[in-house]
Amino acid sequence: MGPLTLVEAAVKKPVFGCKLCGQCVLHSTGMTCPMTCPKQLRNGPCGGVRPDGHCEVVPEMQCVWAKAYDRSLRLPWKEELNELRPPVDNRLWKTSSWRNLASGRDRQVPAGWRV
């Protein structure tokens, strides 16, 4: 990992549980990292959210998307929660999402994908 990635990890891991996917979407998911979902779902909850809002895979954990929804209600850009996010480019794991954002690399999508 490069120095920028190390700084980003030092800031985002303890605060947001960042998994360093290289394509950060915290701003559009209520400042909740969707990669902390055991299924790594980036566009909303699975069908297994328990009635109490907890995860079907890790029952003691609140569903990442239930948390994202609750948190997004307090943000001025709450409507971004409903935007469709492209799939993760697995080549970007363990790279700086800050650098990828600045270069536009995080917005490259697979052929046939519409943003």
C-alpha atoms as a PDB file:
ATOM      1  CA  MET A   1       0.000   0.000   0.000  1.00  0.00           C
ATOM      2  CA  GLY A   2       1.156   3.492  -0.816  1.00  0.00           C
ATOM      3  CA  PRO A   3       1.412   6.353   1.667  1.00  0.00           C
ATOM      4  CA  LEU A   4      -1.908   7.935   0.633  1.00  0.00           C
ATOM      5  CA  THR A   5      -3.700   4.607   1.069  1.00  0.00           C
ATOM      6  CA  LEU A   6      -2.152   4.196   4.539  1.00  0.00           C
ATOM      7  CA  VAL A   7      -3.356   7.660   5.575  1.00  0.00           C
ATOM      8  CA  GLU A   8      -6.826   6.966   4.187  1.00  0.00           C
ATOM      9  CA  ALA A   9      -6.972   3.661   6.055  1.00  0.00           C
ATOM     10  CA  ALA A  10      -5.848   5.330   9.286  1.00  0.00           C
ATOM     11  CA  VAL A  11      -8.672   7.873   8.978  1.00  0.00           C
ATOM     12  CA  LYS A  12     -11.535   5.792   7.590  1.00  0.00           C
ATOM     13  CA  LYS A  13     -11.089   2.334   9.135  1.00  0.00           C
ATOM     14  CA  PRO A  14     -11.621   3.319  12.783  1.00  0.00           C
ATOM     15  CA  VAL A  15     -14.438   5.779  12.009  1.00  0.00           C
ATOM     16  CA  PHE A  16     -16.379   4.014   9.236  1.00  0.00           C
ATOM     17  CA  GLY A  17     -15.085   0.425   9.243  1.00  0.00           C
ATOM     18  CA  CYS A  18     -13.622   1.074   5.789  1.00  0.00           C
ATOM     19  CA  LYS A  19     -12.565  -2.061   3.913  1.00  0.00           C
ATOM     20  CA  LEU A  20     -10.462  -0.142   1.336  1.00  0.00           C
ATOM     21  CA  CYS A  21     -12.453  -1.156  -1.717  1.00  0.00           C
ATOM     22  CA  GLY A  22     -10.958   1.732  -3.687  1.00  0.00           C
ATOM     23  CA  GLN A  23     -14.395   3.045  -4.695  1.00  0.00           C
ATOM     24  CA  CYS A  24     -15.729   4.769  -1.607  1.00  0.00           C
ATOM     25  CA  VAL A  25     -19.451   5.501  -1.529  1.00  0.00           C
ATOM     26  CA  LEU A  26     -19.753   6.630   2.101  1.00  0.00           C
ATOM     27  CA  HIS A  27     -21.286   9.934   1.012  1.00  0.00           C
ATOM     28  CA  SER A  28     -24.207   8.171  -0.668  1.00  0.00           C
ATOM     29  CA  THR A  29     -24.778   5.490   1.964  1.00  0.00           C
ATOM     30  CA  GLY A  30     -25.385   7.577   5.068  1.00  0.00           C
ATOM     31  CA  MET A  31     -21.672   7.543   5.919  1.00  0.00           C
ATOM     32  CA  THR A  32     -21.927   3.756   6.349  1.00  0.00           C
ATOM     33  CA  CYS A  33     -19.491   1.504   4.481  1.00  0.00           C
ATOM     34  CA  PRO A  34     -21.560  -1.032   2.511  1.00  0.00           C
ATOM     35  CA  MET A  35     -18.510  -3.274   2.234  1.00  0.00           C
ATOM     36  CA  THR A  36     -18.994  -4.129   5.930  1.00  0.00           C
ATOM     37  CA  CYS A  37     -22.085  -6.066   4.831  1.00  0.00           C
ATOM     38  CA  PRO A  38     -21.193  -9.787   4.945  1.00  0.00           C
ATOM     39  CA  LYS A  39     -22.568 -10.039   1.399  1.00  0.00           C
ATOM     40  CA  GLN A  40     -20.874  -6.767   0.329  1.00  0.00           C
ATOM     41  CA  LEU A  41     -24.102  -5.395  -1.126  1.00  0.00           C
ATOM     42  CA  ARG A  42     -23.664  -1.861  -2.472  1.00  0.00           C
ATOM     43  CA  ASN A  43     -27.219  -1.070  -3.548  1.00  0.00           C
ATOM     44  CA  GLY A  44     -29.459  -1.929  -0.654  1.00  0.00           C
ATOM     45  CA  PRO A  45     -30.338  -4.737   1.696  1.00  0.00           C
ATOM     46  CA  CYS A  46     -30.802  -8.369   0.826  1.00  0.00           C
ATOM     47  CA  GLY A  47     -34.085 -10.143   1.469  1.00  0.00           C
ATOM     48  CA  GLY A  48     -32.809 -11.547   4.746  1.00  0.00           C
ATOM     49  CA  VAL A  49     -32.980  -8.511   6.999  1.00  0.00           C
ATOM     50  CA  ARG A  50     -34.529  -9.670  10.256  1.00  0.00           C
ATOM     51  CA  PRO A  51     -37.657  -7.919  11.608  1.00  0.00           C
ATOM     52  CA  ASP A  52     -35.491  -6.204  14.241  1.00  0.00           C
ATOM     53  CA  GLY A  53     -33.233  -4.748  11.519  1.00  0.00           C
ATOM     54  CA  HIS A  54     -30.377  -7.153  12.103  1.00  0.00           C
ATOM     55  CA  CYS A  55     -28.363  -9.125   9.563  1.00  0.00           C
ATOM     56  CA  GLU A  56     -29.348 -12.680   8.600  1.00  0.00           C
ATOM     57  CA  VAL A  57     -25.694 -13.707   8.274  1.00  0.00           C
ATOM     58  CA  VAL A  58     -24.396 -12.047  11.461  1.00  0.00           C
ATOM     59  CA  PRO A  59     -27.495 -11.830  13.706  1.00  0.00           C
ATOM     60  CA  GLU A  60     -25.814  -9.689  16.378  1.00  0.00           C
ATOM     61  CA  MET A  61     -24.992  -7.020  13.766  1.00  0.00           C
ATOM     62  CA  GLN A  62     -27.462  -4.352  12.651  1.00  0.00           C
ATOM     63  CA  CYS A  63     -28.045  -4.544   8.898  1.00  0.00           C
ATOM     64  CA  VAL A  64     -25.629  -2.187   7.186  1.00  0.00           C
ATOM     65  CA  TRP A  65     -28.461  -0.878   5.026  1.00  0.00           C
ATOM     66  CA  ALA A  66     -30.809  -0.289   7.959  1.00  0.00           C
ATOM     67  CA  LYS A  67     -28.011   1.735   9.528  1.00  0.00           C
ATOM     68  CA  ALA A  68     -27.339   3.557   6.238  1.00  0.00           C
ATOM     69  CA  TYR A  69     -31.012   4.483   5.928  1.00  0.00           C
ATOM     70  CA  ASP A  70     -31.220   5.797   9.489  1.00  0.00           C
ATOM     71  CA  ARG A  71     -28.043   7.826   9.102  1.00  0.00           C
ATOM     72  CA  SER A  72     -28.931   9.199   5.673  1.00  0.00           C
ATOM     73  CA  LEU A  73     -32.096  10.801   7.050  1.00  0.00           C
ATOM     74  CA  ARG A  74     -29.874  13.269   8.930  1.00  0.00           C
ATOM     75  CA  LEU A  75     -27.843  14.262   5.865  1.00  0.00           C
ATOM     76  CA  PRO A  76     -28.700  17.091   3.453  1.00  0.00           C
ATOM     77  CA  TRP A  77     -27.997  14.779   0.501  1.00  0.00           C
ATOM     78  CA  LYS A  78     -30.179  11.901   1.760  1.00  0.00           C
ATOM     79  CA  GLU A  79     -31.633  11.275  -1.708  1.00  0.00           C
ATOM     80  CA  GLU A  80     -28.258   9.846  -2.818  1.00  0.00           C
ATOM     81  CA  LEU A  81     -29.079   6.676  -0.880  1.00  0.00           C
ATOM     82  CA  ASN A  82     -31.484   5.777  -3.711  1.00  0.00           C
ATOM     83  CA  GLU A  83     -28.895   6.146  -6.490  1.00  0.00           C
ATOM     84  CA  LEU A  84     -27.645   3.030  -8.222  1.00  0.00           C
ATOM     85  CA  ARG A  85     -23.976   2.391  -7.503  1.00  0.00           C
ATOM     86  CA  PRO A  86     -21.871   0.433 -10.012  1.00  0.00           C
ATOM     87  CA  PRO A  87     -20.323  -2.871  -8.966  1.00  0.00           C
ATOM     88  CA  VAL A  88     -16.934  -2.792  -7.287  1.00  0.00           C
ATOM     89  CA  ASP A  89     -13.946  -3.001  -9.588  1.00  0.00           C
ATOM     90  CA  ASN A  90     -11.993  -5.700  -7.762  1.00  0.00           C
ATOM     91  CA  ARG A  91      -8.742  -4.396  -9.253  1.00  0.00           C
ATOM     92  CA  LEU A  92      -9.064  -1.328  -6.996  1.00  0.00           C
ATOM     93  CA  TRP A  93      -9.053  -3.162  -3.636  1.00  0.00           C
ATOM     94  CA  LYS A  94      -6.405  -1.840  -1.227  1.00  0.00           C
ATOM     95  CA  THR A  95      -5.919   1.316  -3.291  1.00  0.00           C
ATOM     96  CA  SER A  96      -6.753   4.874  -2.291  1.00  0.00           C
ATOM     97  CA  SER A  97     -10.325   5.846  -3.126  1.00  0.00           C
ATOM     98  CA  TRP A  98      -9.176   9.479  -2.814  1.00  0.00           C
ATOM     99  CA  ARG A  99      -6.652   8.977  -5.627  1.00  0.00           C
ATOM    100  CA  ASN A 100      -9.156   6.951  -7.649  1.00  0.00           C
ATOM    101  CA  LEU A 101     -11.745   9.729  -7.267  1.00  0.00           C
ATOM    102  CA  ALA A 102      -9.281  12.412  -8.367  1.00  0.00           C
ATOM    103  CA  SER A 103      -8.187  10.400 -11.407  1.00  0.00           C
ATOM    104  CA  GLY A 104     -11.716   9.259 -12.364  1.00  0.00           C
ATOM    105  CA  ARG A 105     -10.659   5.637 -12.070  1.00  0.00           C
ATOM    106  CA  ASP A 106     -13.438   4.941  -9.548  1.00  0.00           C
ATOM    107  CA  ARG A 107     -16.093   5.922 -12.104  1.00  0.00           C
ATOM    108  CA  GLN A 108     -15.032   3.479 -14.795  1.00  0.00           C
ATOM    109  CA  VAL A 109     -17.704   0.824 -15.180  1.00  0.00           C
ATOM    110  CA  PRO A 110     -17.903  -2.530 -16.967  1.00  0.00           C
ATOM    111  CA  ALA A 111     -18.892  -2.571 -20.636  1.00  0.00           C
ATOM    112  CA  GLY A 112     -22.659  -2.387 -21.009  1.00  0.00           C
ATOM    113  CA  TRP A 113     -23.196  -0.797 -17.594  1.00  0.00           C
ATOM    114  CA  ARG A 114     -25.170   2.427 -17.587  1.00  0.00           C
ATOM    115  CA  VAL A 115     -24.597   4.996 -14.871  1.00  0.00           C
END
